[in-house]
C-alpha atoms as a PDB file:
ATOM      1  CA  UNK A   1     -27.954  33.276  32.011  1.00  0.00           C
ATOM      2  CA  UNK A   2     -27.973  30.906  29.017  1.00  0.00           C
ATOM      3  CA  UNK A   3     -30.333  27.943  29.396  1.00  0.00           C
ATOM      4  CA  UNK A   4     -29.042  24.376  29.167  1.00  0.00           C
ATOM      5  CA  UNK A   5     -31.134  23.716  26.072  1.00  0.00           C
ATOM      6  CA  UNK A   6     -29.417  26.637  24.325  1.00  0.00           C
ATOM      7  CA  UNK A   7     -25.894  25.736  25.444  1.00  0.00           C
ATOM      8  CA  UNK A   8     -23.302  25.063  22.768  1.00  0.00           C
ATOM      9  CA  UNK A   9     -22.939  21.486  21.570  1.00  0.00           C
ATOM     10  CA  UNK A  10     -20.088  19.401  22.942  1.00  0.00           C
ATOM     11  CA  UNK A  11     -19.169  18.762  19.302  1.00  0.00           C
ATOM     12  CA  UNK A  12     -17.981  21.188  16.636  1.00  0.00           C
ATOM     13  CA  UNK A  13     -17.269  21.172  12.916  1.00  0.00           C
ATOM     14  CA  UNK A  14     -20.173  18.784  12.392  1.00  0.00           C
ATOM     15  CA  UNK A  15     -20.021  19.358   8.649  1.00  0.00           C
ATOM     16  CA  UNK A  16     -16.525  17.840   8.596  1.00  0.00           C
ATOM     17  CA  UNK A  17     -17.624  14.580  10.243  1.00  0.00           C
ATOM     18  CA  UNK A  18     -18.245  11.420   8.262  1.00  0.00           C
ATOM     19  CA  UNK A  19     -21.728   9.922   8.359  1.00  0.00           C
ATOM     20  CA  UNK A  20     -20.429   7.225  10.709  1.00  0.00           C
ATOM     21  CA  UNK A  21     -19.032   9.858  13.086  1.00  0.00           C
ATOM     22  CA  UNK A  22     -22.275  11.862  13.052  1.00  0.00           C
ATOM     23  CA  UNK A  23     -24.362   8.790  13.825  1.00  0.00           C
ATOM     24  CA  UNK A  24     -21.999   7.543  16.517  1.00  0.00           C
ATOM     25  CA  UNK A  25     -21.920  10.909  18.263  1.00  0.00           C
ATOM     26  CA  UNK A  26     -25.696  11.359  18.131  1.00  0.00           C
ATOM     27  CA  UNK A  27     -26.105   7.874  19.568  1.00  0.00           C
ATOM     28  CA  UNK A  28     -23.608   8.645  22.321  1.00  0.00           C
ATOM     29  CA  UNK A  29     -25.598  11.720  23.306  1.00  0.00           C
ATOM     30  CA  UNK A  30     -28.924   9.869  23.117  1.00  0.00           C
ATOM     31  CA  UNK A  31     -27.718   7.289  25.622  1.00  0.00           C
ATOM     32  CA  UNK A  32     -27.687   9.975  28.317  1.00  0.00           C
ATOM     33  CA  UNK A  33     -31.425  10.652  27.999  1.00  0.00           C
ATOM     34  CA  UNK A  34     -32.861   7.671  29.935  1.00  0.00           C
ATOM     35  CA  UNK A  35     -30.425   8.389  32.769  1.00  0.00           C
ATOM     36  CA  UNK A  36     -31.701  11.968  32.957  1.00  0.00           C
ATOM     37  CA  UNK A  37     -35.289  10.685  32.987  1.00  0.00           C
ATOM     38  CA  UNK A  38     -34.408   8.293  35.804  1.00  0.00           C
ATOM     39  CA  UNK A  39     -33.456  11.251  37.983  1.00  0.00           C
ATOM     40  CA  UNK A  40     -36.946  12.685  37.481  1.00  0.00           C
ATOM     41  CA  UNK A  41     -38.902   9.530  38.396  1.00  0.00           C
ATOM     42  CA  UNK A  42     -39.925  10.923  41.787  1.00  0.00           C
ATOM     43  CA  UNK A  43     -41.350  14.054  40.188  1.00  0.00           C
ATOM     44  CA  UNK A  44     -43.199  12.005  37.562  1.00  0.00           C
ATOM     45  CA  UNK A  45     -44.690   9.819  40.290  1.00  0.00           C
ATOM     46  CA  UNK A  46     -45.901  12.850  42.224  1.00  0.00           C
ATOM     47  CA  UNK A  47     -47.693  14.266  39.190  1.00  0.00           C
ATOM     48  CA  UNK A  48     -49.277  10.961  38.155  1.00  0.00           C
ATOM     49  CA  UNK A  49     -50.458  10.344  41.721  1.00  0.00           C
ATOM     50  CA  UNK A  50     -52.304  13.652  41.611  1.00  0.00           C
ATOM     51  CA  UNK A  51     -53.801  13.100  38.152  1.00  0.00           C
ATOM     52  CA  UNK A  52     -55.265   9.612  38.710  1.00  0.00           C
ATOM     53  CA  UNK A  53     -57.906  10.463  41.349  1.00  0.00           C
ATOM     54  CA  UNK A  54     -59.012  13.458  39.305  1.00  0.00           C
ATOM     55  CA  UNK A  55     -59.495  11.321  36.225  1.00  0.00           C
ATOM     56  CA  UNK A  56     -61.360   8.695  38.253  1.00  0.00           C
ATOM     57  CA  UNK A  57     -63.681  11.533  39.251  1.00  0.00           C
ATOM     58  CA  UNK A  58     -64.324  12.410  35.599  1.00  0.00           C
ATOM     59  CA  UNK A  59     -61.442  14.767  34.928  1.00  0.00           C
ATOM     60  CA  UNK A  60     -59.404  15.001  31.744  1.00  0.00           C
ATOM     61  CA  UNK A  61     -55.713  15.393  30.981  1.00  0.00           C
ATOM     62  CA  UNK A  62     -54.541  18.228  28.745  1.00  0.00           C
ATOM     63  CA  UNK A  63     -51.080  18.556  27.201  1.00  0.00           C
ATOM     64  CA  UNK A  64     -50.005  21.987  25.928  1.00  0.00           C
ATOM     65  CA  UNK A  65     -46.938  22.928  23.951  1.00  0.00           C
ATOM     66  CA  UNK A  66     -45.493  24.667  20.917  1.00  0.00           C
ATOM     67  CA  UNK A  67     -43.532  23.178  18.031  1.00  0.00           C
ATOM     68  CA  UNK A  68     -41.973  19.795  18.783  1.00  0.00           C
ATOM     69  CA  UNK A  69     -43.287  19.851  22.349  1.00  0.00           C
ATOM     70  CA  UNK A  70     -46.846  20.427  21.182  1.00  0.00           C
ATOM     71  CA  UNK A  71     -46.589  17.706  18.550  1.00  0.00           C
ATOM     72  CA  UNK A  72     -45.329  15.189  21.102  1.00  0.00           C
ATOM     73  CA  UNK A  73     -48.267  15.961  23.382  1.00  0.00           C
ATOM     74  CA  UNK A  74     -50.712  15.484  20.511  1.00  0.00           C
ATOM     75  CA  UNK A  75     -49.023  12.203  19.589  1.00  0.00           C
ATOM     76  CA  UNK A  76     -49.348  10.826  23.115  1.00  0.00           C
ATOM     77  CA  UNK A  77     -52.962  11.976  23.459  1.00  0.00           C
ATOM     78  CA  UNK A  78     -53.941  10.536  20.074  1.00  0.00           C
ATOM     79  CA  UNK A  79     -52.559   7.118  20.976  1.00  0.00           C
ATOM     80  CA  UNK A  80     -54.696   6.722  24.113  1.00  0.00           C
ATOM     81  CA  UNK A  81     -58.048   5.832  22.464  1.00  0.00           C
ATOM     82  CA  UNK A  82     -56.698   3.086  20.155  1.00  0.00           C
ATOM     83  CA  UNK A  83     -54.314   1.672  22.754  1.00  0.00           C
ATOM     84  CA  UNK A  84     -56.522   1.763  25.834  1.00  0.00           C
ATOM     85  CA  UNK A  85     -60.048   2.067  24.435  1.00  0.00           C
ATOM     86  CA  UNK A  86     -60.793   5.355  26.187  1.00  0.00           C
ATOM     87  CA  UNK A  87     -63.027   7.959  24.603  1.00  0.00           C
ATOM     88  CA  UNK A  88     -61.558  10.719  22.479  1.00  0.00           C
ATOM     89  CA  UNK A  89     -61.287  13.826  24.613  1.00  0.00           C
ATOM     90  CA  UNK A  90     -60.160  12.110  27.810  1.00  0.00           C
ATOM     91  CA  UNK A  91     -56.557  13.007  26.948  1.00  0.00           C
ATOM     92  CA  UNK A  92     -56.214  16.129  24.795  1.00  0.00           C
ATOM     93  CA  UNK A  93     -53.153  17.587  23.075  1.00  0.00           C
ATOM     94  CA  UNK A  94     -53.072  21.301  22.245  1.00  0.00           C
ATOM     95  CA  UNK A  95     -50.441  23.045  20.124  1.00  0.00           C
ATOM     96  CA  UNK A  96     -49.749  26.738  19.694  1.00  0.00           C
ATOM     97  CA  UNK A  97     -51.112  27.753  16.291  1.00  0.00           C
ATOM     98  CA  UNK A  98     -53.789  25.050  16.185  1.00  0.00           C
ATOM     99  CA  UNK A  99     -53.975  21.968  13.973  1.00  0.00           C
ATOM    100  CA  UNK A 100     -52.097  23.652  11.125  1.00  0.00           C
ATOM    101  CA  UNK A 101     -49.047  23.835  13.395  1.00  0.00           C
ATOM    102  CA  UNK A 102     -48.898  20.040  13.629  1.00  0.00           C
ATOM    103  CA  UNK A 103     -47.387  20.033  10.135  1.00  0.00           C
ATOM    104  CA  UNK A 104     -46.295  23.615   9.515  1.00  0.00           C
ATOM    105  CA  UNK A 105     -44.694  26.258  11.741  1.00  0.00           C
ATOM    106  CA  UNK A 106     -47.094  29.090  12.616  1.00  0.00           C
ATOM    107  CA  UNK A 107     -45.293  32.401  13.021  1.00  0.00           C
ATOM    108  CA  UNK A 108     -45.333  33.874  16.536  1.00  0.00           C
ATOM    109  CA  UNK A 109     -47.919  31.352  17.773  1.00  0.00           C
ATOM    110  CA  UNK A 110     -45.864  30.312  20.779  1.00  0.00           C
ATOM    111  CA  UNK A 111     -45.425  33.949  21.834  1.00  0.00           C
ATOM    112  CA  UNK A 112     -49.143  34.535  22.387  1.00  0.00           C
ATOM    113  CA  UNK A 113     -50.013  35.364  25.982  1.00  0.00           C
ATOM    114  CA  UNK A 114     -53.747  34.755  25.521  1.00  0.00           C
ATOM    115  CA  UNK A 115     -54.281  31.930  23.018  1.00  0.00           C
ATOM    116  CA  UNK A 116     -53.354  29.089  25.368  1.00  0.00           C
ATOM    117  CA  UNK A 117     -56.077  29.904  27.859  1.00  0.00           C
ATOM    118  CA  UNK A 118     -58.561  30.517  25.037  1.00  0.00           C
ATOM    119  CA  UNK A 119     -57.784  27.064  23.645  1.00  0.00           C
ATOM    120  CA  UNK A 120     -58.454  25.481  27.043  1.00  0.00           C
ATOM    121  CA  UNK A 121     -61.686  27.409  27.507  1.00  0.00           C
ATOM    122  CA  UNK A 122     -62.932  25.853  24.281  1.00  0.00           C
ATOM    123  CA  UNK A 123     -63.026  22.563  26.197  1.00  0.00           C
ATOM    124  CA  UNK A 124     -64.857  24.058  29.205  1.00  0.00           C
ATOM    125  CA  UNK A 125     -61.941  23.122  31.416  1.00  0.00           C
ATOM    126  CA  UNK A 126     -62.733  22.668  35.123  1.00  0.00           C
ATOM    127  CA  UNK A 127     -61.242  21.781  38.508  1.00  0.00           C
ATOM    128  CA  UNK A 128     -61.299  18.022  37.835  1.00  0.00           C
ATOM    129  CA  UNK A 129     -58.956  18.479  34.877  1.00  0.00           C
ATOM    130  CA  UNK A 130     -55.161  18.578  34.762  1.00  0.00           C
ATOM    131  CA  UNK A 131     -52.989  20.659  32.430  1.00  0.00           C
ATOM    132  CA  UNK A 132     -49.406  19.614  31.694  1.00  0.00           C
ATOM    133  CA  UNK A 133     -47.281  22.192  29.902  1.00  0.00           C
ATOM    134  CA  UNK A 134     -44.542  20.810  27.667  1.00  0.00           C
ATOM    135  CA  UNK A 135     -41.652  23.109  26.784  1.00  0.00           C
ATOM    136  CA  UNK A 136     -38.006  22.128  26.471  1.00  0.00           C
ATOM    137  CA  UNK A 137     -36.912  25.679  27.288  1.00  0.00           C
ATOM    138  CA  UNK A 138     -39.536  26.214  29.967  1.00  0.00           C
ATOM    139  CA  UNK A 139     -40.113  29.736  28.669  1.00  0.00           C
ATOM    140  CA  UNK A 140     -42.959  29.397  26.125  1.00  0.00           C
ATOM    141  CA  UNK A 141     -45.523  32.208  26.709  1.00  0.00           C
ATOM    142  CA  UNK A 142     -48.378  30.223  25.121  1.00  0.00           C
ATOM    143  CA  UNK A 143     -47.912  27.594  27.828  1.00  0.00           C
ATOM    144  CA  UNK A 144     -46.896  29.690  30.827  1.00  0.00           C
ATOM    145  CA  UNK A 145     -49.778  32.120  30.600  1.00  0.00           C
ATOM    146  CA  UNK A 146     -52.286  29.296  30.235  1.00  0.00           C
ATOM    147  CA  UNK A 147     -50.769  27.630  33.300  1.00  0.00           C
ATOM    148  CA  UNK A 148     -51.096  30.822  35.319  1.00  0.00           C
ATOM    149  CA  UNK A 149     -54.772  31.092  34.356  1.00  0.00           C
ATOM    150  CA  UNK A 150     -55.303  27.464  35.347  1.00  0.00           C
ATOM    151  CA  UNK A 151     -53.858  28.097  38.783  1.00  0.00           C
ATOM    152  CA  UNK A 152     -56.230  31.027  39.255  1.00  0.00           C
ATOM    153  CA  UNK A 153     -59.072  28.550  38.597  1.00  0.00           C
ATOM    154  CA  UNK A 154     -57.694  25.856  40.961  1.00  0.00           C
ATOM    155  CA  UNK A 155     -56.869  23.520  38.081  1.00  0.00           C
ATOM    156  CA  UNK A 156     -53.975  21.114  38.728  1.00  0.00           C
ATOM    157  CA  UNK A 157     -50.862  21.912  36.689  1.00  0.00           C
ATOM    158  CA  UNK A 158     -47.647  20.119  35.824  1.00  0.00           C
ATOM    159  CA  UNK A 159     -44.902  20.449  33.236  1.00  0.00           C
ATOM    160  CA  UNK A 160     -42.176  18.646  31.347  1.00  0.00           C
ATOM    161  CA  UNK A 161     -39.140  20.807  30.704  1.00  0.00           C
ATOM    162  CA  UNK A 162     -35.431  20.297  30.061  1.00  0.00           C
ATOM    163  CA  UNK A 163     -34.069  23.338  31.893  1.00  0.00           C
ATOM    164  CA  UNK A 164     -33.675  23.591  35.636  1.00  0.00           C
ATOM    165  CA  UNK A 165     -35.525  26.361  37.449  1.00  0.00           C
ATOM    166  CA  UNK A 166     -37.323  27.642  34.347  1.00  0.00           C
ATOM    167  CA  UNK A 167     -40.282  30.050  34.540  1.00  0.00           C
ATOM    168  CA  UNK A 168     -42.613  27.194  33.577  1.00  0.00           C
ATOM    169  CA  UNK A 169     -41.316  24.882  36.295  1.00  0.00           C
ATOM    170  CA  UNK A 170     -41.707  27.658  38.845  1.00  0.00           C
ATOM    171  CA  UNK A 171     -45.282  28.318  37.715  1.00  0.00           C
ATOM    172  CA  UNK A 172     -46.738  24.793  37.944  1.00  0.00           C
ATOM    173  CA  UNK A 173     -47.786  22.687  40.921  1.00  0.00           C
ATOM    174  CA  UNK A 174     -45.767  19.628  39.886  1.00  0.00           C
ATOM    175  CA  UNK A 175     -42.726  20.275  37.681  1.00  0.00           C
ATOM    176  CA  UNK A 176     -40.825  17.529  35.881  1.00  0.00           C
ATOM    177  CA  UNK A 177     -37.352  18.704  34.908  1.00  0.00           C
ATOM    178  CA  UNK A 178     -35.308  16.363  32.719  1.00  0.00           C
ATOM    179  CA  UNK A 179     -31.997  18.102  32.111  1.00  0.00           C
ATOM    180  CA  UNK A 180     -30.352  16.302  29.203  1.00  0.00           C
ATOM    181  CA  UNK A 181     -27.610  18.853  28.532  1.00  0.00           C
ATOM    182  CA  UNK A 182     -26.603  20.520  25.265  1.00  0.00           C
ATOM    183  CA  UNK A 183     -27.993  19.147  22.023  1.00  0.00           C
ATOM    184  CA  UNK A 184     -25.750  17.594  19.349  1.00  0.00           C
ATOM    185  CA  UNK A 185     -26.822  20.415  17.047  1.00  0.00           C
ATOM    186  CA  UNK A 186     -26.866  23.454  19.309  1.00  0.00           C
ATOM    187  CA  UNK A 187     -30.400  24.384  20.351  1.00  0.00           C
ATOM    188  CA  UNK A 188     -32.088  21.610  18.335  1.00  0.00           C
ATOM    189  CA  UNK A 189     -34.430  20.482  21.096  1.00  0.00           C
ATOM    190  CA  UNK A 190     -36.251  18.055  18.794  1.00  0.00           C
ATOM    191  CA  UNK A 191     -33.290  15.761  19.558  1.00  0.00           C
ATOM    192  CA  UNK A 192     -32.409  14.810  23.166  1.00  0.00           C
ATOM    193  CA  UNK A 193     -34.988  17.093  24.744  1.00  0.00           C
ATOM    194  CA  UNK A 194     -37.724  15.761  22.472  1.00  0.00           C
ATOM    195  CA  UNK A 195     -36.686  12.190  23.227  1.00  0.00           C
ATOM    196  CA  UNK A 196     -36.825  12.906  26.953  1.00  0.00           C
ATOM    197  CA  UNK A 197     -40.283  14.462  26.641  1.00  0.00           C
ATOM    198  CA  UNK A 198     -41.532  11.435  24.676  1.00  0.00           C
ATOM    199  CA  UNK A 199     -40.235   9.031  27.318  1.00  0.00           C
ATOM    200  CA  UNK A 200     -41.901  10.980  30.112  1.00  0.00           C
ATOM    201  CA  UNK A 201     -45.191  11.246  28.210  1.00  0.00           C
ATOM    202  CA  UNK A 202     -45.116   7.463  27.684  1.00  0.00           C
ATOM    203  CA  UNK A 203     -44.698   7.030  31.422  1.00  0.00           C
ATOM    204  CA  UNK A 204     -47.449   9.474  32.365  1.00  0.00           C
ATOM    205  CA  UNK A 205     -50.161   8.163  30.048  1.00  0.00           C
ATOM    206  CA  UNK A 206     -49.316   4.474  30.465  1.00  0.00           C
ATOM    207  CA  UNK A 207     -49.156   4.586  34.255  1.00  0.00           C
ATOM    208  CA  UNK A 208     -52.413   6.540  34.388  1.00  0.00           C
ATOM    209  CA  UNK A 209     -54.199   4.083  32.110  1.00  0.00           C
ATOM    210  CA  UNK A 210     -52.977   1.130  34.152  1.00  0.00           C
ATOM    211  CA  UNK A 211     -54.239   2.839  37.303  1.00  0.00           C
ATOM    212  CA  UNK A 212     -57.587   3.431  35.587  1.00  0.00           C
ATOM    213  CA  UNK A 213     -57.907  -0.312  34.929  1.00  0.00           C
ATOM    214  CA  UNK A 214     -57.261  -0.174  31.199  1.00  0.00           C
ATOM    215  CA  UNK A 215     -54.632  -2.946  31.291  1.00  0.00           C
ATOM    216  CA  UNK A 216     -55.187  -6.485  32.558  1.00  0.00           C
ATOM    217  CA  UNK A 217     -52.097  -8.502  33.423  1.00  0.00           C
ATOM    218  CA  UNK A 218     -49.840  -6.967  30.809  1.00  0.00           C
ATOM    219  CA  UNK A 219     -52.385  -6.833  27.987  1.00  0.00           C
ATOM    220  CA  UNK A 220     -54.210  -3.978  26.239  1.00  0.00           C
ATOM    221  CA  UNK A 221     -57.609  -5.576  26.769  1.00  0.00           C
ATOM    222  CA  UNK A 222     -59.540  -2.467  25.662  1.00  0.00           C
ATOM    223  CA  UNK A 223     -57.569  -1.691  22.491  1.00  0.00           C
ATOM    224  CA  UNK A 224     -59.539  -0.756  19.395  1.00  0.00           C
ATOM    225  CA  UNK A 225     -59.684  -3.480  16.753  1.00  0.00           C
ATOM    226  CA  UNK A 226     -58.878  -1.103  13.926  1.00  0.00           C
ATOM    227  CA  UNK A 227     -56.797  -3.364  11.655  1.00  0.00           C
ATOM    228  CA  UNK A 228     -55.964  -7.011  10.964  1.00  0.00           C
ATOM    229  CA  UNK A 229     -52.835  -6.923  13.136  1.00  0.00           C
ATOM    230  CA  UNK A 230     -54.817  -5.801  16.173  1.00  0.00           C
ATOM    231  CA  UNK A 231     -57.612  -8.309  15.505  1.00  0.00           C
ATOM    232  CA  UNK A 232     -54.987 -11.060  15.362  1.00  0.00           C
ATOM    233  CA  UNK A 233     -53.366  -9.811  18.544  1.00  0.00           C
ATOM    234  CA  UNK A 234     -56.732  -9.636  20.268  1.00  0.00           C
ATOM    235  CA  UNK A 235     -57.591 -13.137  19.063  1.00  0.00           C
ATOM    236  CA  UNK A 236     -54.409 -14.528  20.614  1.00  0.00           C
ATOM    237  CA  UNK A 237     -55.230 -12.776  23.871  1.00  0.00           C
ATOM    238  CA  UNK A 238     -58.734 -14.270  23.936  1.00  0.00           C
ATOM    239  CA  UNK A 239     -57.293 -17.710  23.148  1.00  0.00           C
ATOM    240  CA  UNK A 240     -54.844 -17.427  26.041  1.00  0.00           C
ATOM    241  CA  UNK A 241     -57.530 -16.437  28.527  1.00  0.00           C
ATOM    242  CA  UNK A 242     -60.312 -18.782  27.430  1.00  0.00           C
ATOM    243  CA  UNK A 243     -58.668 -21.846  25.884  1.00  0.00           C
ATOM    244  CA  UNK A 244     -60.777 -21.429  22.740  1.00  0.00           C
ATOM    245  CA  UNK A 245     -59.362 -22.268  19.331  1.00  0.00           C
ATOM    246  CA  UNK A 246     -58.435 -19.461  16.946  1.00  0.00           C
ATOM    247  CA  UNK A 247     -61.662 -19.395  14.962  1.00  0.00           C
ATOM    248  CA  UNK A 248     -63.931 -19.415  18.027  1.00  0.00           C
ATOM    249  CA  UNK A 249     -61.791 -16.809  19.788  1.00  0.00           C
ATOM    250  CA  UNK A 250     -61.902 -14.459  16.817  1.00  0.00           C
ATOM    251  CA  UNK A 251     -65.661 -14.845  16.436  1.00  0.00           C
ATOM    252  CA  UNK A 252     -66.135 -14.025  20.111  1.00  0.00           C
ATOM    253  CA  UNK A 253     -63.766 -11.051  19.877  1.00  0.00           C
ATOM    254  CA  UNK A 254     -65.484  -9.540  16.848  1.00  0.00           C
ATOM    255  CA  UNK A 255     -68.931 -10.109  18.317  1.00  0.00           C
ATOM    256  CA  UNK A 256     -68.175  -8.294  21.575  1.00  0.00           C
ATOM    257  CA  UNK A 257     -65.744  -5.698  20.257  1.00  0.00           C
ATOM    258  CA  UNK A 258     -62.862  -5.987  22.711  1.00  0.00           C
ATOM    259  CA  UNK A 259     -60.737  -8.565  24.476  1.00  0.00           C
ATOM    260  CA  UNK A 260     -62.178  -7.550  27.830  1.00  0.00           C
ATOM    261  CA  UNK A 261     -65.794  -7.901  26.719  1.00  0.00           C
ATOM    262  CA  UNK A 262     -65.151 -11.192  24.937  1.00  0.00           C
ATOM    263  CA  UNK A 263     -63.408 -12.766  27.916  1.00  0.00           C
ATOM    264  CA  UNK A 264     -65.971 -11.411  30.390  1.00  0.00           C
ATOM    265  CA  UNK A 265     -68.805 -12.894  28.321  1.00  0.00           C
ATOM    266  CA  UNK A 266     -67.036 -16.257  28.061  1.00  0.00           C
ATOM    267  CA  UNK A 267     -66.334 -16.402  31.802  1.00  0.00           C
ATOM    268  CA  UNK A 268     -69.889 -15.404  32.708  1.00  0.00           C
ATOM    269  CA  UNK A 269     -71.415 -18.376  30.870  1.00  0.00           C
END
């Protein structure tokens, strides 16, 4: 049975379309993605609700994937420290083929039935941790075999896939299936499937970080002050919460290293 992600595009003769037609048709297809994600909200909630208490107990979150899926996991993981001020290693992205595969395809890496678990063992993974497999097809051996090993070790597992009833979804404890239908270019899952995976990853990491207390009101009070834009943003946040002028707020922010610390110090005086 052909998977949804491999089904033929609803469009043909793409090479005969004008640029305007190509863009319009891609946009039309993209508009279906958030609606598909909406149908999976219950499944996303179930997974997040299981992850949060584990992370409060010291657990970590691991994303695993190959190709586009692996890169999206690494992207989401890499954004957590600067956005929420958490330590590197709390959220980890792993890709079949290692760091080289972030930029270049690594032949047969996703077909390995042992490398995924070996990669996880390098982090001394344990029962407090959670592993989320990301695979549009839901058939990636690198991911599925690692998931099976995790289950043998009582490690919580979830997945993000774009096929219904895939081997990966059947293997994990908490599957998230976002079925977006055929791609505009047949089988090019970096398109709608990749967009769906990115949206779900945004939801997972952001909701977890809010639950872990890394957002106050609607502000990133623990963000890293790694450039002028973020210092200026942080300064405005301190001004709003303390009533200080811009110069005093920025001095306080830079002295204490984060919006949270600056405001806490000001309010404790």
